[in-house]
Protein backbone atom coordinates (compact mmCIF):
# COMPACT_ATOMS: atom_id res chain seq x y z
CA UNK A 1 -12.49 29.66 -24.28
CA UNK A 2 -15.36 27.92 -26.06
CA UNK A 3 -12.95 25.22 -27.24
CA UNK A 4 -11.92 24.59 -23.63
CA UNK A 5 -15.55 24.28 -22.51
CA UNK A 6 -16.29 21.77 -25.25
CA UNK A 7 -13.27 19.69 -24.23
CA UNK A 8 -14.24 19.89 -20.55
CA UNK A 9 -17.79 18.78 -21.32
CA UNK A 10 -16.45 15.89 -23.40
CA UNK A 11 -14.10 14.83 -20.62
CA UNK A 12 -16.91 14.99 -18.05
CA UNK A 13 -19.22 12.95 -20.28
CA UNK A 14 -16.52 10.31 -20.82
CA UNK A 15 -15.89 10.12 -17.08
CA UNK A 16 -19.60 9.70 -16.30
CA UNK A 17 -20.04 7.05 -18.95
CA UNK A 18 -17.07 5.08 -17.60
CA UNK A 19 -18.23 5.20 -13.95
CA UNK A 20 -20.38 2.01 -14.02
CA UNK A 21 -17.59 0.04 -15.72
CA UNK A 22 -15.11 1.25 -13.13
CA UNK A 23 -17.43 0.20 -10.31
CA UNK A 24 -17.87 -3.23 -11.88
CA UNK A 25 -14.10 -3.57 -12.27
CA UNK A 26 -13.68 -2.62 -8.60
CA UNK A 27 -16.12 -5.35 -7.54
CA UNK A 28 -14.38 -7.86 -9.80
CA UNK A 29 -11.01 -6.88 -8.33
CA UNK A 30 -12.47 -7.05 -4.83
CA UNK A 31 -13.83 -10.54 -5.47
CA UNK A 32 -10.49 -11.68 -6.86
CA UNK A 33 -8.47 -10.28 -3.95
CA UNK A 34 -11.01 -11.59 -1.42
CA UNK A 35 -10.90 -15.08 -2.97
CA UNK A 36 -7.10 -15.14 -3.08
CA UNK A 37 -6.52 -13.83 0.44
CA UNK A 38 -9.46 -13.46 2.83
CA UNK A 39 -10.92 -16.96 2.62
CA UNK A 40 -7.63 -18.40 3.84
CA UNK A 41 -8.52 -17.16 7.34
CA UNK A 42 -12.24 -16.33 7.28
CA UNK A 43 -15.36 -18.16 6.23
CA UNK A 44 -18.55 -16.34 5.26
CA UNK A 45 -20.08 -17.20 8.64
CA UNK A 46 -17.76 -14.62 10.22
CA UNK A 47 -19.54 -11.83 8.34
CA UNK A 48 -23.11 -12.95 8.96
CA UNK A 49 -23.00 -13.96 12.62
CA UNK A 50 -25.23 -11.97 15.00
CA UNK A 51 -22.33 -10.73 17.17
CA UNK A 52 -20.20 -9.41 14.31
CA UNK A 53 -18.00 -6.41 15.08
CA UNK A 54 -18.48 -4.56 11.78
CA UNK A 55 -21.50 -2.24 11.68
CA UNK A 56 -20.50 0.39 9.10
CA UNK A 57 -18.65 0.74 5.82
CA UNK A 58 -15.86 2.73 7.45
CA UNK A 59 -15.31 -0.01 10.05
CA UNK A 60 -15.31 -2.63 7.28
CA UNK A 61 -12.59 -0.74 5.41
CA UNK A 62 -10.57 -0.48 8.63
CA UNK A 63 -10.80 -4.23 9.20
CA UNK A 64 -9.88 -5.01 5.58
CA UNK A 65 -6.84 -2.71 5.84
CA UNK A 66 -5.87 -4.35 9.12
CA UNK A 67 -6.01 -7.82 7.61
CA UNK A 68 -4.03 -6.67 4.57
CA UNK A 69 -1.39 -5.17 6.86
CA UNK A 70 -1.22 -8.28 9.07
CA UNK A 71 -0.72 -10.45 5.99
CA UNK A 72 1.88 -8.03 4.52
CA UNK A 73 -0.19 -7.67 1.35
CA UNK A 74 0.84 -4.05 0.65
CA UNK A 75 -2.54 -3.27 -0.90
CA UNK A 76 -3.17 0.19 -2.25
CA UNK A 77 -6.19 2.11 -1.00
CA UNK A 78 -8.20 1.26 -4.13
CA UNK A 79 -7.61 -2.46 -3.49
CA UNK A 80 -8.80 -2.14 0.12
CA UNK A 81 -11.83 -0.21 -1.15
CA UNK A 82 -12.50 -2.89 -3.79
CA UNK A 83 -12.41 -5.73 -1.24
CA UNK A 84 -14.59 -3.76 1.18
CA UNK A 85 -17.07 -2.97 -1.62
CA UNK A 86 -17.21 -6.63 -2.64
CA UNK A 87 -17.68 -7.79 0.96
CA UNK A 88 -20.37 -5.18 1.49
CA UNK A 89 -22.23 -6.32 -1.61
CA UNK A 90 -22.01 -10.00 -0.70
CA UNK A 91 -22.32 -9.97 3.09
CA UNK A 92 -22.96 -6.70 4.88
CA UNK A 93 -25.33 -4.73 2.64
CA UNK A 94 -24.52 -1.30 4.11
CA UNK A 95 -26.02 1.63 2.20
């Protein structure tokens, strides 16, 4: 049992240490996907205008998924999350 606890603690530590790198990779992926797809239809002014329709992170994710679906991108959930996270960091600044 003690051996199992040591392995579990090691796995947890490794996971926690990798978390910032994973988040950075998600933002990098989000930026890449955004640059390759979103800017074809939308300029940054769409996200910063006073009458914008997006007022929460959940709505942002819904809109990103909708655009991905309309463009037949077949993005996985982590790709939608990455694009939404990137857009939030750059434009929306939701907490």
